[in-house]
PDB file of N, CA and C in Angstrom:
ATOM      1  N   MET A   1     134.291  94.358 126.054  1.00  0.00           N
ATOM      2  CA  MET A   1     133.882  94.460 124.647  1.00  0.00           C
ATOM      3  C   MET A   1     132.454  93.942 124.558  1.00  0.00           C
ATOM      4  N   SER A   2     131.352  94.352 124.050  1.00  0.00           N
ATOM      5  CA  SER A   2     130.080  94.195 123.886  1.00  0.00           C
ATOM      6  C   SER A   2     129.658  93.528 122.696  1.00  0.00           C
ATOM      7  N   ALA A   3     128.956  92.716 122.538  1.00  0.00           N
ATOM      8  CA  ALA A   3     128.347  92.349 121.098  1.00  0.00           C
ATOM      9  C   ALA A   3     127.560  93.144 120.147  1.00  0.00           C
ATOM     10  N   PRO A   4     127.840  93.081 118.949  1.00  0.00           N
ATOM     11  CA  PRO A   4     127.137  94.198 117.671  1.00  0.00           C
ATOM     12  C   PRO A   4     125.782  93.926 118.152  1.00  0.00           C
ATOM     13  N   ALA A   5     125.154  95.482 117.989  1.00  0.00           N
ATOM     14  CA  ALA A   5     123.651  95.098 118.445  1.00  0.00           C
ATOM     15  C   ALA A   5     123.067  94.504 116.830  1.00  0.00           C
ATOM     16  N   GLU A   6     121.976  93.819 117.177  1.00  0.00           N
ATOM     17  CA  GLU A   6     121.280  93.366 115.912  1.00  0.00           C
ATOM     18  C   GLU A   6     120.612  94.241 115.037  1.00  0.00           C
ATOM     19  N   PRO A   7     120.724  94.178 113.724  1.00  0.00           N
ATOM     20  CA  PRO A   7     119.747  95.041 112.872  1.00  0.00           C
ATOM     21  C   PRO A   7     118.103  95.057 113.459  1.00  0.00           C
ATOM     22  N   GLU A   8     117.644  96.239 112.961  1.00  0.00           N
ATOM     23  CA  GLU A   8     116.383  96.291 112.875  1.00  0.00           C
ATOM     24  C   GLU A   8     115.520  95.425 111.780  1.00  0.00           C
ATOM     25  N   PRO A   9     114.749  94.298 112.543  1.00  0.00           N
ATOM     26  CA  PRO A   9     114.271  93.145 111.697  1.00  0.00           C
ATOM     27  C   PRO A   9     113.474  94.279 110.285  1.00  0.00           C
ATOM     28  N   CYS A  10     113.299  93.660 109.291  1.00  0.00           N
ATOM     29  CA  CYS A  10     112.889  94.407 108.093  1.00  0.00           C
ATOM     30  C   CYS A  10     111.348  93.642 107.817  1.00  0.00           C
ATOM     31  N   ARG A  11     110.603  94.466 107.889  1.00  0.00           N
ATOM     32  CA  ARG A  11     108.811  94.055 107.938  1.00  0.00           C
ATOM     33  C   ARG A  11     108.646  93.292 106.681  1.00  0.00           C
ATOM     34  N   THR A  12     109.390  93.764 105.595  1.00  0.00           N
ATOM     35  CA  THR A  12     109.117  93.038 104.247  1.00  0.00           C
ATOM     36  C   THR A  12     109.847  91.812 104.435  1.00  0.00           C
ATOM     37  N   CYS A  13     110.676  91.556 105.240  1.00  0.00           N
ATOM     38  CA  CYS A  13     111.447  90.113 105.126  1.00  0.00           C
ATOM     39  C   CYS A  13     110.325  89.373 105.936  1.00  0.00           C
ATOM     40  N   GLN A  14     110.157  89.903 107.057  1.00  0.00           N
ATOM     41  CA  GLN A  14     109.073  89.645 108.050  1.00  0.00           C
ATOM     42  C   GLN A  14     107.673  88.937 107.343  1.00  0.00           C
ATOM     43  N   GLN A  15     107.160  89.457 106.806  1.00  0.00           N
ATOM     44  CA  GLN A  15     106.084  89.256 106.086  1.00  0.00           C
ATOM     45  C   GLN A  15     106.109  87.937 105.199  1.00  0.00           C
ATOM     46  N   PHE A  16     107.447  88.064 104.101  1.00  0.00           N
ATOM     47  CA  PHE A  16     107.753  87.042 103.522  1.00  0.00           C
ATOM     48  C   PHE A  16     108.049  85.690 104.199  1.00  0.00           C
ATOM     49  N   ASP A  17     108.865  85.847 105.237  1.00  0.00           N
ATOM     50  CA  ASP A  17     108.731  84.443 106.214  1.00  0.00           C
ATOM     51  C   ASP A  17     107.737  84.225 106.769  1.00  0.00           C
ATOM     52  N   LEU A  18     106.506  84.768 107.281  1.00  0.00           N
ATOM     53  CA  LEU A  18     104.947  84.506 107.576  1.00  0.00           C
ATOM     54  C   LEU A  18     104.277  83.657 106.378  1.00  0.00           C
ATOM     55  N   GLU A  19     104.340  84.486 105.386  1.00  0.00           N
ATOM     56  CA  GLU A  19     103.826  84.050 104.294  1.00  0.00           C
ATOM     57  C   GLU A  19     104.085  82.545 103.607  1.00  0.00           C
ATOM     58  N   GLU A  20     105.117  82.370 104.084  1.00  0.00           N
ATOM     59  CA  GLU A  20     106.327  81.003 103.590  1.00  0.00           C
ATOM     60  C   GLU A  20     105.911  79.912 104.364  1.00  0.00           C
ATOM     61  N   ALA A  21     105.866  80.298 106.045  1.00  0.00           N
ATOM     62  CA  ALA A  21     105.414  79.493 106.743  1.00  0.00           C
ATOM     63  C   ALA A  21     103.708  78.989 106.945  1.00  0.00           C
ATOM     64  N   VAL A  22     103.056  80.005 106.387  1.00  0.00           N
ATOM     65  CA  VAL A  22     101.466  79.562 106.494  1.00  0.00           C
ATOM     66  C   VAL A  22     101.501  78.687 105.020  1.00  0.00           C
ATOM     67  N   ALA A  23     102.139  79.053 104.070  1.00  0.00           N
ATOM     68  CA  ALA A  23     102.350  78.264 102.944  1.00  0.00           C
ATOM     69  C   ALA A  23     102.536  76.878 103.130  1.00  0.00           C
ATOM     70  N   ARG A  24     103.495  76.639 103.783  1.00  0.00           N
ATOM     71  CA  ARG A  24     104.155  75.148 104.587  1.00  0.00           C
ATOM     72  C   ARG A  24     103.031  74.567 105.131  1.00  0.00           C
ATOM     73  N   THR A  25     102.480  75.166 106.307  1.00  0.00           N
ATOM     74  CA  THR A  25     101.362  74.842 106.971  1.00  0.00           C
ATOM     75  C   THR A  25     100.137  74.184 106.159  1.00  0.00           C
ATOM     76  N   GLU A  26     100.124  74.690 104.985  1.00  0.00           N
ATOM     77  CA  GLU A  26      98.779  74.245 104.030  1.00  0.00           C
ATOM     78  C   GLU A  26      99.468  73.565 103.243  1.00  0.00           C
ATOM     79  N   ARG A  27     100.477  73.264 103.521  1.00  0.00           N
ATOM     80  CA  ARG A  27     101.263  72.165 102.188  1.00  0.00           C
ATOM     81  C   ARG A  27     101.041  72.474 100.796  1.00  0.00           C
ATOM     82  N   ASP A  28     101.335  73.988 100.560  1.00  0.00           N
ATOM     83  CA  ASP A  28     100.944  74.655  99.264  1.00  0.00           C
ATOM     84  C   ASP A  28     102.923  74.744  98.848  1.00  0.00           C
ATOM     85  N   GLY A  29     103.389  73.810  98.521  1.00  0.00           N
ATOM     86  CA  GLY A  29     104.883  73.592  98.220  1.00  0.00           C
ATOM     87  C   GLY A  29     105.188  75.056  97.102  1.00  0.00           C
ATOM     88  N   SER A  30     104.260  75.439  96.317  1.00  0.00           N
ATOM     89  CA  SER A  30     104.658  76.135  95.043  1.00  0.00           C
ATOM     90  C   SER A  30     105.023  77.734  95.974  1.00  0.00           C
ATOM     91  N   ARG A  31     103.491  77.823  96.646  1.00  0.00           N
ATOM     92  CA  ARG A  31     103.833  79.364  97.294  1.00  0.00           C
ATOM     93  C   ARG A  31     104.781  79.442  98.069  1.00  0.00           C
ATOM     94  N   ALA A  32     105.122  78.341  98.804  1.00  0.00           N
ATOM     95  CA  ALA A  32     106.149  78.758  99.677  1.00  0.00           C
ATOM     96  C   ALA A  32     107.526  78.938  98.949  1.00  0.00           C
ATOM     97  N   THR A  33     107.495  78.331  97.914  1.00  0.00           N
ATOM     98  CA  THR A  33     108.884  78.603  96.892  1.00  0.00           C
ATOM     99  C   THR A  33     108.764  79.984  96.364  1.00  0.00           C
ATOM    100  N   ASP A  34     107.842  80.364  96.195  1.00  0.00           N
ATOM    101  CA  ASP A  34     107.376  81.705  95.693  1.00  0.00           C
ATOM    102  C   ASP A  34     108.054  82.791  96.588  1.00  0.00           C
ATOM    103  N   CYS A  35     107.519  82.437  97.696  1.00  0.00           N
ATOM    104  CA  CYS A  35     108.186  83.630  99.222  1.00  0.00           C
ATOM    105  C   CYS A  35     109.451  83.552  99.281  1.00  0.00           C
ATOM    106  N   ARG A  36     109.907  82.347  99.041  1.00  0.00           N
ATOM    107  CA  ARG A  36     111.567  82.228  99.388  1.00  0.00           C
ATOM    108  C   ARG A  36     112.067  83.055  98.058  1.00  0.00           C
ATOM    109  N   VAL A  37     111.620  82.705  96.836  1.00  0.00           N
ATOM    110  CA  VAL A  37     112.513  83.563  95.767  1.00  0.00           C
ATOM    111  C   VAL A  37     112.143  85.307  95.767  1.00  0.00           C
ATOM    112  N   LEU A  38     110.995  85.706  96.135  1.00  0.00           N
ATOM    113  CA  LEU A  38     110.441  86.799  96.416  1.00  0.00           C
ATOM    114  C   LEU A  38     111.212  87.468  97.508  1.00  0.00           C
ATOM    115  N   ARG A  39     111.593  86.916  98.552  1.00  0.00           N
ATOM    116  CA  ARG A  39     112.453  87.231  99.677  1.00  0.00           C
ATOM    117  C   ARG A  39     113.676  87.530  99.332  1.00  0.00           C
ATOM    118  N   GLN A  40     114.207  86.658  98.669  1.00  0.00           N
ATOM    119  CA  GLN A  40     115.729  86.676  98.070  1.00  0.00           C
ATOM    120  C   GLN A  40     115.828  87.743  97.261  1.00  0.00           C
ATOM    121  N   ARG A  41     114.817  87.978  96.662  1.00  0.00           N
ATOM    122  CA  ARG A  41     114.852  89.165  95.384  1.00  0.00           C
ATOM    123  C   ARG A  41     114.898  90.157  96.195  1.00  0.00           C
ATOM    124  N   HIS A  42     114.168  90.335  97.220  1.00  0.00           N
ATOM    125  CA  HIS A  42     114.002  91.485  98.295  1.00  0.00           C
ATOM    126  C   HIS A  42     115.245  91.853  98.711  1.00  0.00           C
ATOM    127  N   VAL A  43     115.858  90.875  99.426  1.00  0.00           N
ATOM    128  CA  VAL A  43     117.014  90.988 100.007  1.00  0.00           C
ATOM    129  C   VAL A  43     118.183  91.811  99.308  1.00  0.00           C
ATOM    130  N   ALA A  44     118.440  91.078  98.062  1.00  0.00           N
ATOM    131  CA  ALA A  44     119.363  91.868  97.146  1.00  0.00           C
ATOM    132  C   ALA A  44     119.240  93.242  97.054  1.00  0.00           C
ATOM    133  N   ALA A  45     117.827  93.295  96.514  1.00  0.00           N
ATOM    134  CA  ALA A  45     117.706  94.878  95.961  1.00  0.00           C
ATOM    135  C   ALA A  45     117.394  95.794  97.485  1.00  0.00           C
ATOM    136  N   ALA A  46     117.120  95.455  98.500  1.00  0.00           N
ATOM    137  CA  ALA A  46     116.688  96.381  99.450  1.00  0.00           C
ATOM    138  C   ALA A  46     117.820  96.322 100.512  1.00  0.00           C
ATOM    139  N   HIS A  47     118.551  95.077 100.784  1.00  0.00           N
ATOM    140  CA  HIS A  47     119.717  95.212 101.668  1.00  0.00           C
ATOM    141  C   HIS A  47     121.181  94.933 101.109  1.00  0.00           C
ATOM    142  N   GLY A  48     121.180  94.814  99.876  1.00  0.00           N
ATOM    143  CA  GLY A  48     122.627  94.990  99.314  1.00  0.00           C
ATOM    144  C   GLY A  48     123.276  93.439  99.375  1.00  0.00           C
ATOM    145  N   GLU A  49     122.332  92.491  99.855  1.00  0.00           N
ATOM    146  CA  GLU A  49     123.261  91.294  99.874  1.00  0.00           C
ATOM    147  C   GLU A  49     123.220  90.335  98.939  1.00  0.00           C
TER     148      GLU A  49
END
């Protein structure tokens, strides 16, 4: 029995993750929070989670 294949990464999710990482590096907590909120909204709308 093989492991289930991992889903194709979502480019939009990856962009939000990258932007959040940059914001954290720049110690911009507000922007990092915005990225997390926008990613959660995107996941709910686009991925149905």
